[in-house]
Amino acid sequence: MFDTTNQVSSASAEVARLRTGIAEMAGDDLNDRHTDEVSERLVGLLEIAERLDAEVTRVAAEWTRRRGWEADASLSPTAWLAHRAPVAKTEARRLVKAAKVVNASPPLAAALATGTTTSPHIYALAAVMSPRRQKLLPEHGELLAKQAERLPLKDFALLARRWASIADDQLNGDSHEPEPPGNEVKAAVTLDGRVDGTFSLEPISGAQLLGVLDHLAPPDPVDAPDGPRSLSERRGDALAELATTLHEGGEPGSNPPNLDVLVDVATATGMQPELALARRDLEGIGPITSEALDQLCCGATVRRVLMAGESIVLDMGRKARFATPSQARAIRIRDGGCIFPSCDRPPAWCDIHHIDGWLNGGNTDVARMCCLCRRHHTLIHSSQWTIVVQPDGSFRVTHPIRAP
């Protein structure tokens, strides 16, 4: 990373000395060093790294104040840093935000320069900063600097969040201030057909959402047949189940809105058309897998549109309905919820799964359908887990390796 052969004129003498010192230290063999000595060096380097990070933030503040990126015709400080320095855009954006905090408050700038506060404290404050809140830093900067000097990072981060709420209260009293941003969801369809994105919710809505998700997807048993999920996986599955229930009207057996899937004739009949001609697209999302199509067909209304190539419509058949509300109600009463071993999802949170795929000629018979929660419905369609109907009409979930 560091090139000590550069001429000192290409950078300040101080930076050149740092590069030389780090290069010399990097060449030191640690194998013969005592563990205590290695520990002492590690702590010392971390202390130096924090002070170096503080200096980076302080210099970045002066650089942004001078709008140094404009000399290279760059459109923003973040873009300039990501192009000229070994940092990603996310880190560059974080640095610029911290620099703006330092510029907006002389007491915080002085505390950072003298070492009475640390760069992580500045970053913690920058994390809750917005253009509206930043207007109050000249008034509140001295108080925040004193608290940053007194409090450990964890406590100061909480204090910064509290300050943000107080700042919002003060700003909301000024009718001329623009309203703060509301709830936001940013989503995009990725190349592999997944919906990826981020969301930002105001505190009450965010707490309610997390509470609902954690209630719907509590921790899995350690010995769950398909393995315990992480917190993020459980919340993702719960969000999918929540969307499914609302999509279906919030009532078991209700008819969902239409989801259109465009499938070319060759793909529908199991052939392998040319890649450019193959089509199995979920409207609004794009290409989906055959497993996803099979799962969708378990509980959707299918409208057949047979295509030849990209634009010629051969036939538009009538809608084909699957499980009727009465059938779905009977299945949910019979199964009492998801039939997958160890799963306790109630009937209202379950899909109706066709054991014999409708696209493969399966009939819509109550005896050949069962309840599966969204997570296990997806698992059945995308893995080697299968469902076998026993002679007594019960169901047995099997796997060639994991299930007995």
Protein backbone atom coordinates (compact mmCIF):
# COMPACT_ATOMS: atom_id res chain seq x y z
CA MET A 1 0.00 0.00 0.00
CA PHE A 2 2.77 2.47 0.95
CA ASP A 3 5.42 3.42 -1.55
CA THR A 4 8.47 4.80 0.26
CA THR A 5 10.27 5.50 -3.01
CA ASN A 6 8.07 8.53 -3.74
CA GLN A 7 9.80 11.88 -3.58
CA VAL A 8 9.01 13.93 -0.48
CA SER A 9 7.77 16.68 -2.80
CA SER A 10 4.81 14.50 -3.75
CA ALA A 11 3.51 14.65 -0.18
CA SER A 12 4.23 16.48 3.02
CA ALA A 13 7.37 15.60 4.97
CA GLU A 14 5.21 14.45 7.88
CA VAL A 15 3.34 11.94 5.76
CA ALA A 16 6.60 10.72 4.24
CA ARG A 17 8.01 10.04 7.70
CA LEU A 18 4.89 8.11 8.65
CA ARG A 19 5.18 5.98 5.53
CA THR A 20 8.82 5.20 6.29
CA GLY A 21 8.11 4.29 9.91
CA ILE A 22 5.22 2.00 9.02
CA ALA A 23 7.26 0.30 6.31
CA GLU A 24 10.07 -0.37 8.79
CA MET A 25 7.66 -1.74 11.37
CA ALA A 26 5.96 -3.97 8.79
CA GLY A 27 9.30 -5.63 8.10
CA ASP A 28 9.81 -6.55 11.76
CA ASP A 29 9.64 -10.31 12.44
CA LEU A 30 7.22 -10.95 15.31
CA ASN A 31 7.80 -14.69 15.63
CA ASP A 32 10.53 -14.29 18.27
CA ARG A 33 8.70 -11.61 20.24
CA HIS A 34 7.15 -12.40 23.62
CA THR A 35 3.33 -12.43 23.68
CA ASP A 36 3.23 -9.53 26.14
CA GLU A 37 5.37 -7.50 23.80
CA VAL A 38 3.08 -8.29 20.86
CA SER A 39 0.07 -7.29 22.97
CA GLU A 40 1.73 -4.03 23.95
CA ARG A 41 2.51 -3.24 20.32
CA LEU A 42 -1.06 -4.01 19.28
CA VAL A 43 -2.54 -1.65 21.86
CA GLY A 44 -0.02 1.04 20.98
CA LEU A 45 -0.77 0.75 17.28
CA LEU A 46 -4.49 0.98 17.93
CA GLU A 47 -3.93 4.17 19.93
CA ILE A 48 -1.82 5.60 17.11
CA ALA A 49 -4.41 4.50 14.56
CA GLU A 50 -7.12 6.41 16.42
CA ARG A 51 -4.99 9.54 16.54
CA LEU A 52 -4.15 9.11 12.87
CA ASP A 53 -7.84 8.72 12.09
CA ALA A 54 -8.52 11.89 14.06
CA GLU A 55 -5.95 13.73 11.97
CA VAL A 56 -7.50 12.35 8.79
CA THR A 57 -10.86 13.71 9.91
CA ARG A 58 -9.36 17.08 10.83
CA VAL A 59 -7.57 17.41 7.48
CA ALA A 60 -10.68 16.26 5.65
CA ALA A 61 -12.63 18.99 7.40
CA GLU A 62 -10.22 21.67 6.15
CA TRP A 63 -10.21 20.11 2.68
CA THR A 64 -14.00 20.10 2.47
CA ARG A 65 -14.14 23.67 3.79
CA ARG A 66 -11.87 24.71 0.90
CA ARG A 67 -13.87 22.55 -1.55
CA GLY A 68 -10.64 20.90 -2.64
CA TRP A 69 -12.37 18.41 -4.91
CA GLU A 70 -13.44 21.16 -7.30
CA ALA A 71 -9.84 21.69 -8.45
CA ASP A 72 -10.06 18.36 -10.29
CA ALA A 73 -13.55 19.10 -11.62
CA SER A 74 -15.00 16.35 -9.45
CA LEU A 75 -18.72 16.57 -8.77
CA SER A 76 -18.52 15.77 -5.05
CA PRO A 77 -15.99 15.18 -2.26
CA THR A 78 -17.16 11.57 -1.97
CA ALA A 79 -16.51 10.89 -5.65
CA TRP A 80 -13.06 12.53 -5.46
CA LEU A 81 -12.01 10.51 -2.42
CA ALA A 82 -13.25 7.21 -3.84
CA HIS A 83 -11.29 7.91 -7.03
CA ARG A 84 -8.06 9.29 -5.57
CA ALA A 85 -7.72 7.47 -2.23
CA PRO A 86 -7.83 3.77 -1.29
CA VAL A 87 -11.33 4.00 0.21
CA ALA A 88 -14.72 2.79 -0.95
CA LYS A 89 -17.56 5.23 -1.52
CA THR A 90 -19.25 4.18 1.71
CA GLU A 91 -16.17 5.04 3.77
CA ALA A 92 -15.60 8.24 1.79
CA ARG A 93 -19.18 9.33 2.45
CA ARG A 94 -18.74 8.60 6.15
CA LEU A 95 -15.54 10.68 6.28
CA VAL A 96 -17.13 13.63 4.52
CA LYS A 97 -20.06 13.57 6.92
CA ALA A 98 -17.71 13.59 9.92
CA ALA A 99 -15.73 16.43 8.36
CA LYS A 100 -18.89 18.51 8.07
CA VAL A 101 -19.58 17.98 11.78
CA VAL A 102 -16.08 19.21 12.66
CA ASN A 103 -16.49 22.26 10.42
CA ALA A 104 -19.85 23.12 11.97
CA SER A 105 -18.55 23.15 15.56
CA PRO A 106 -15.25 24.78 16.62
CA PRO A 107 -15.44 23.18 20.11
CA LEU A 108 -15.66 19.71 18.55
CA ALA A 109 -12.85 20.54 16.14
CA ALA A 110 -10.63 21.68 19.02
CA ALA A 111 -11.45 18.58 21.07
CA LEU A 112 -10.54 16.34 18.16
CA ALA A 113 -7.26 18.16 17.49
CA THR A 114 -6.13 18.08 21.13
CA GLY A 115 -7.15 14.48 21.70
CA THR A 116 -9.71 15.21 24.39
CA THR A 117 -12.19 13.37 22.22
CA THR A 118 -11.71 10.56 19.73
CA SER A 119 -12.58 10.16 16.09
CA PRO A 120 -15.13 7.39 16.87
CA HIS A 121 -17.00 9.94 19.01
CA ILE A 122 -17.14 12.30 16.03
CA TYR A 123 -18.32 9.46 13.78
CA ALA A 124 -21.02 8.53 16.29
CA LEU A 125 -22.32 12.09 16.18
CA ALA A 126 -22.06 12.21 12.39
CA ALA A 127 -24.14 9.02 12.17
CA VAL A 128 -27.20 10.86 13.55
CA MET A 129 -26.50 14.12 11.76
CA SER A 130 -28.74 15.61 9.09
CA PRO A 131 -28.64 18.98 7.35
CA ARG A 132 -31.44 20.21 9.63
CA ARG A 133 -29.79 19.05 12.84
CA GLN A 134 -26.41 20.36 11.78
CA LYS A 135 -27.80 23.90 11.95
CA LEU A 136 -27.92 23.51 15.74
CA LEU A 137 -24.28 22.44 16.14
CA PRO A 138 -22.95 25.99 16.64
CA GLU A 139 -25.35 26.28 19.58
CA HIS A 140 -24.85 22.79 21.03
CA GLY A 141 -21.28 21.99 19.98
CA GLU A 142 -19.61 22.96 23.27
CA LEU A 143 -21.99 20.78 25.28
CA LEU A 144 -21.46 17.84 22.92
CA ALA A 145 -17.68 18.27 23.08
CA LYS A 146 -17.73 18.14 26.89
CA GLN A 147 -19.89 15.02 26.83
CA ALA A 148 -17.61 13.38 24.26
CA GLU A 149 -14.64 14.04 26.56
CA ARG A 150 -16.46 12.58 29.56
CA LEU A 151 -18.34 9.58 28.17
CA PRO A 152 -17.08 6.31 26.70
CA LEU A 153 -18.04 5.72 23.10
CA LYS A 154 -21.02 3.45 23.78
CA ASP A 155 -22.63 5.95 26.12
CA PHE A 156 -21.86 8.89 23.86
CA ALA A 157 -23.45 7.12 20.88
CA LEU A 158 -26.66 6.81 22.90
CA LEU A 159 -26.39 10.43 23.95
CA ALA A 160 -25.97 11.45 20.30
CA ARG A 161 -29.23 9.71 19.45
CA ARG A 162 -30.96 11.48 22.30
CA TRP A 163 -29.53 14.80 21.17
CA ALA A 164 -30.91 14.12 17.69
CA SER A 165 -34.42 13.66 19.07
CA ILE A 166 -34.12 16.84 21.12
CA ALA A 167 -32.82 18.70 18.08
CA ASP A 168 -35.81 17.49 16.07
CA ASP A 169 -38.16 18.72 18.76
CA GLN A 170 -36.53 22.14 18.66
CA LEU A 171 -36.55 22.27 14.87
CA ASN A 172 -40.13 21.11 14.62
CA GLY A 173 -41.16 24.13 16.62
CA ASP A 174 -40.03 26.33 13.73
CA SER A 175 -42.79 26.22 11.14
CA HIS A 176 -40.42 27.53 8.49
CA GLU A 177 -38.18 24.47 8.69
CA PRO A 178 -38.81 21.78 6.07
CA GLU A 179 -40.33 18.57 7.36
CA PRO A 180 -37.83 15.82 8.19
CA PRO A 181 -37.78 12.86 5.80
CA GLY A 182 -40.43 10.24 6.50
CA ASN A 183 -40.29 6.49 6.15
CA GLU A 184 -38.41 5.33 3.10
CA VAL A 185 -37.94 2.03 1.29
CA LYS A 186 -35.39 1.84 -1.50
CA ALA A 187 -35.58 -1.34 -3.54
CA ALA A 188 -34.25 -2.60 -6.84
CA VAL A 189 -34.44 -5.87 -8.74
CA THR A 190 -30.98 -7.45 -8.97
CA LEU A 191 -29.62 -9.35 -11.95
CA ASP A 192 -30.57 -12.68 -10.36
CA GLY A 193 -34.17 -11.59 -9.83
CA ARG A 194 -34.01 -10.89 -6.10
CA VAL A 195 -35.40 -7.69 -4.67
CA ASP A 196 -32.60 -5.94 -2.82
CA GLY A 197 -32.66 -2.66 -0.95
CA THR A 198 -32.68 -0.74 2.29
CA PHE A 199 -35.31 0.93 4.42
CA SER A 200 -35.31 3.79 6.86
CA LEU A 201 -38.17 4.10 9.34
CA GLU A 202 -38.89 6.61 12.04
CA PRO A 203 -38.29 5.10 15.50
CA ILE A 204 -41.84 4.06 16.40
CA SER A 205 -42.55 2.42 13.05
CA GLY A 206 -39.14 0.76 13.12
CA ALA A 207 -39.68 -0.65 16.60
CA GLN A 208 -43.12 -1.90 15.63
CA LEU A 209 -41.79 -3.59 12.53
CA LEU A 210 -38.95 -5.34 14.35
CA GLY A 211 -41.32 -6.40 17.11
CA VAL A 212 -43.73 -7.92 14.61
CA LEU A 213 -40.97 -9.68 12.68
CA ASP A 214 -39.39 -11.13 15.81
CA HIS A 215 -42.81 -12.27 17.04
CA LEU A 216 -43.54 -14.01 13.75
CA ALA A 217 -40.13 -15.65 13.52
CA PRO A 218 -38.80 -16.57 16.97
CA PRO A 219 -35.49 -18.42 17.27
CA ASP A 220 -35.49 -21.88 15.71
CA PRO A 221 -34.79 -25.01 17.75
CA VAL A 222 -31.13 -25.98 17.64
CA ASP A 223 -32.10 -29.38 16.27
CA ALA A 224 -34.47 -28.07 13.58
CA PRO A 225 -34.36 -30.45 10.57
CA ASP A 226 -33.40 -27.66 8.20
CA GLY A 227 -31.06 -25.99 10.68
CA PRO A 228 -31.47 -22.82 12.80
CA ARG A 229 -31.59 -19.50 10.98
CA SER A 230 -29.75 -16.30 11.78
CA LEU A 231 -31.63 -13.26 13.06
CA SER A 232 -31.50 -11.57 9.67
CA GLU A 233 -32.79 -14.72 7.94
CA ARG A 234 -35.67 -15.06 10.41
CA ARG A 235 -36.66 -11.43 9.97
CA GLY A 236 -36.48 -11.78 6.20
CA ASP A 237 -38.71 -14.85 6.25
CA ALA A 238 -41.16 -13.11 8.58
CA LEU A 239 -41.32 -10.07 6.30
CA ALA A 240 -42.04 -12.34 3.34
CA GLU A 241 -44.83 -14.06 5.29
CA LEU A 242 -46.28 -10.72 6.30
CA ALA A 243 -46.29 -9.52 2.70
CA THR A 244 -47.91 -12.76 1.57
CA THR A 245 -50.73 -12.53 4.11
CA LEU A 246 -51.52 -8.91 3.23
CA HIS A 247 -51.21 -9.71 -0.46
CA GLU A 248 -53.88 -12.36 -0.05
CA GLY A 249 -56.27 -10.03 1.68
CA GLY A 250 -55.32 -10.95 5.22
CA GLU A 251 -57.73 -13.88 5.31
CA PRO A 252 -56.96 -17.56 4.80
CA GLY A 253 -58.23 -18.76 1.47
CA SER A 254 -58.83 -15.30 0.03
CA ASN A 255 -58.02 -14.75 -3.61
CA PRO A 256 -54.77 -12.85 -4.16
CA PRO A 257 -54.29 -10.15 -6.79
CA ASN A 258 -52.99 -11.38 -10.09
CA LEU A 259 -49.29 -11.97 -10.62
CA ASP A 260 -48.45 -12.40 -14.28
CA VAL A 261 -45.72 -14.77 -15.43
CA LEU A 262 -44.78 -14.81 -19.10
CA VAL A 263 -43.52 -18.22 -20.25
CA ASP A 264 -42.51 -19.21 -23.76
CA VAL A 265 -43.85 -22.46 -25.24
CA ALA A 266 -40.52 -24.30 -25.24
CA THR A 267 -39.83 -23.54 -21.60
CA ALA A 268 -43.38 -24.45 -20.58
CA THR A 269 -43.07 -27.85 -22.26
CA GLY A 270 -39.71 -28.67 -20.66
CA MET A 271 -37.54 -28.03 -23.72
CA GLN A 272 -34.39 -25.93 -23.65
CA PRO A 273 -34.81 -22.99 -26.03
CA GLU A 274 -32.06 -20.63 -27.00
CA LEU A 275 -31.07 -18.38 -24.13
CA ALA A 276 -32.19 -15.26 -25.98
CA LEU A 277 -35.63 -16.78 -26.59
CA ALA A 278 -36.20 -18.47 -23.24
CA ARG A 279 -38.77 -16.62 -21.20
CA ARG A 280 -40.06 -17.26 -17.70
CA ASP A 281 -40.53 -13.75 -16.37
CA LEU A 282 -42.47 -12.54 -13.36
CA GLU A 283 -43.94 -9.20 -14.36
CA GLY A 284 -42.17 -6.34 -12.60
CA ILE A 285 -39.33 -8.57 -11.38
CA GLY A 286 -37.90 -10.41 -14.36
CA PRO A 287 -36.63 -13.98 -14.87
CA ILE A 288 -37.50 -16.52 -12.18
CA THR A 289 -36.57 -20.14 -11.65
CA SER A 290 -38.79 -23.07 -12.44
CA GLU A 291 -39.00 -23.77 -8.70
CA ALA A 292 -40.31 -20.24 -8.15
CA LEU A 293 -42.87 -20.73 -10.92
CA ASP A 294 -44.01 -24.04 -9.41
CA GLN A 295 -44.37 -22.37 -6.01
CA LEU A 296 -46.30 -19.47 -7.50
CA CYS A 297 -48.65 -21.90 -9.22
CA CYS A 298 -49.57 -23.48 -5.88
CA GLY A 299 -51.72 -20.54 -4.89
CA ALA A 300 -52.05 -18.14 -7.79
CA THR A 301 -54.50 -17.56 -10.58
CA VAL A 302 -52.84 -18.44 -13.87
CA ARG A 303 -53.69 -16.63 -17.08
CA ARG A 304 -52.20 -18.49 -20.00
CA VAL A 305 -50.47 -16.44 -22.70
CA LEU A 306 -48.52 -18.56 -25.19
CA MET A 307 -45.83 -16.67 -27.07
CA ALA A 308 -43.76 -17.37 -30.18
CA GLY A 309 -40.59 -15.34 -29.90
CA GLU A 310 -40.66 -11.98 -28.19
CA SER A 311 -43.83 -10.45 -29.62
CA ILE A 312 -46.16 -12.95 -31.31
CA VAL A 313 -49.09 -14.08 -29.13
CA LEU A 314 -50.28 -17.55 -30.13
CA ASP A 315 -53.06 -18.05 -27.63
CA MET A 316 -54.63 -16.37 -24.60
CA GLY A 317 -56.43 -18.99 -22.55
CA ARG A 318 -58.95 -18.38 -19.79
CA LYS A 319 -57.96 -18.15 -16.14
CA ALA A 320 -57.35 -21.44 -14.34
CA ARG A 321 -58.20 -21.38 -10.64
CA PHE A 322 -56.53 -23.55 -8.05
CA ALA A 323 -57.64 -24.35 -4.51
CA THR A 324 -61.02 -22.79 -3.83
CA PRO A 325 -61.61 -20.92 -0.56
CA SER A 326 -63.58 -23.91 0.73
CA GLN A 327 -60.78 -26.31 -0.17
CA ALA A 328 -58.16 -24.07 1.42
CA ARG A 329 -60.23 -23.76 4.61
CA ALA A 330 -60.66 -27.54 4.81
CA ILE A 331 -56.91 -28.08 4.33
CA ARG A 332 -56.01 -25.52 6.99
CA ILE A 333 -58.44 -27.07 9.48
CA ARG A 334 -57.14 -30.56 8.74
CA ASP A 335 -53.42 -29.70 8.97
CA GLY A 336 -53.62 -27.15 11.78
CA GLY A 337 -50.66 -25.28 10.35
CA CYS A 338 -47.41 -25.97 8.56
CA ILE A 339 -46.81 -29.73 8.29
CA PHE A 340 -43.01 -29.42 8.20
CA PRO A 341 -41.41 -31.12 11.23
CA SER A 342 -40.79 -28.77 14.18
CA CYS A 343 -42.63 -25.87 12.52
CA ASP A 344 -45.44 -24.28 14.51
CA ARG A 345 -46.65 -21.69 12.00
CA PRO A 346 -50.46 -21.36 12.31
CA PRO A 347 -52.77 -22.01 9.36
CA ALA A 348 -53.34 -18.32 8.65
CA TRP A 349 -49.64 -17.93 7.85
CA CYS A 350 -49.45 -20.88 5.47
CA ASP A 351 -49.60 -21.36 1.71
CA ILE A 352 -51.53 -24.21 0.15
CA HIS A 353 -48.95 -26.45 -1.50
CA HIS A 354 -49.72 -28.80 -4.40
CA ILE A 355 -47.80 -32.01 -3.75
CA ASP A 356 -48.21 -32.87 -7.43
CA GLY A 357 -47.17 -29.75 -9.33
CA TRP A 358 -49.99 -28.26 -11.34
CA LEU A 359 -47.67 -27.57 -14.27
CA ASN A 360 -46.84 -31.28 -14.31
CA GLY A 361 -50.48 -32.32 -14.49
CA GLY A 362 -51.27 -32.51 -10.79
CA ASN A 363 -54.90 -32.31 -9.73
CA THR A 364 -56.38 -29.81 -7.31
CA ASP A 365 -57.48 -32.42 -4.76
CA VAL A 366 -57.65 -31.78 -1.02
CA ALA A 367 -55.89 -35.10 -0.39
CA ARG A 368 -52.96 -34.00 -2.55
CA MET A 369 -52.52 -30.55 -1.01
CA CYS A 370 -51.16 -29.41 2.36
CA CYS A 371 -50.24 -26.40 4.48
CA LEU A 372 -46.69 -25.03 4.34
CA CYS A 373 -45.43 -21.75 5.75
CA ARG A 374 -43.70 -19.52 3.23
CA ARG A 375 -40.23 -20.53 4.37
CA HIS A 376 -40.85 -24.25 4.09
CA HIS A 377 -42.90 -23.83 0.93
CA THR A 378 -39.88 -22.24 -0.69
CA LEU A 379 -37.64 -24.96 0.74
CA ILE A 380 -39.79 -27.78 -0.72
CA HIS A 381 -39.71 -26.21 -4.18
CA SER A 382 -35.99 -25.40 -4.19
CA SER A 383 -34.33 -28.37 -2.46
CA GLN A 384 -34.38 -32.14 -2.11
CA TRP A 385 -36.99 -32.08 0.63
CA THR A 386 -40.14 -33.90 -0.54
CA ILE A 387 -43.59 -34.68 0.82
CA VAL A 388 -45.00 -38.20 0.66
CA VAL A 389 -48.68 -38.97 1.25
CA GLN A 390 -48.98 -41.94 3.60
CA PRO A 391 -51.67 -44.66 3.16
CA ASP A 392 -53.64 -43.14 6.06
CA GLY A 393 -53.68 -39.74 4.35
CA SER A 394 -51.05 -38.15 6.59
CA PHE A 395 -47.92 -36.51 5.23
CA ARG A 396 -44.29 -37.47 5.70
CA VAL A 397 -41.54 -34.94 4.95
CA THR A 398 -38.36 -36.62 3.77
CA HIS A 399 -34.87 -35.72 2.59
CA PRO A 400 -32.40 -38.19 0.99
CA ILE A 401 -29.65 -37.24 3.46
CA ARG A 402 -31.02 -35.27 6.40
CA ALA A 403 -34.35 -37.00 7.00
CA PRO A 404 -34.72 -40.61 8.21
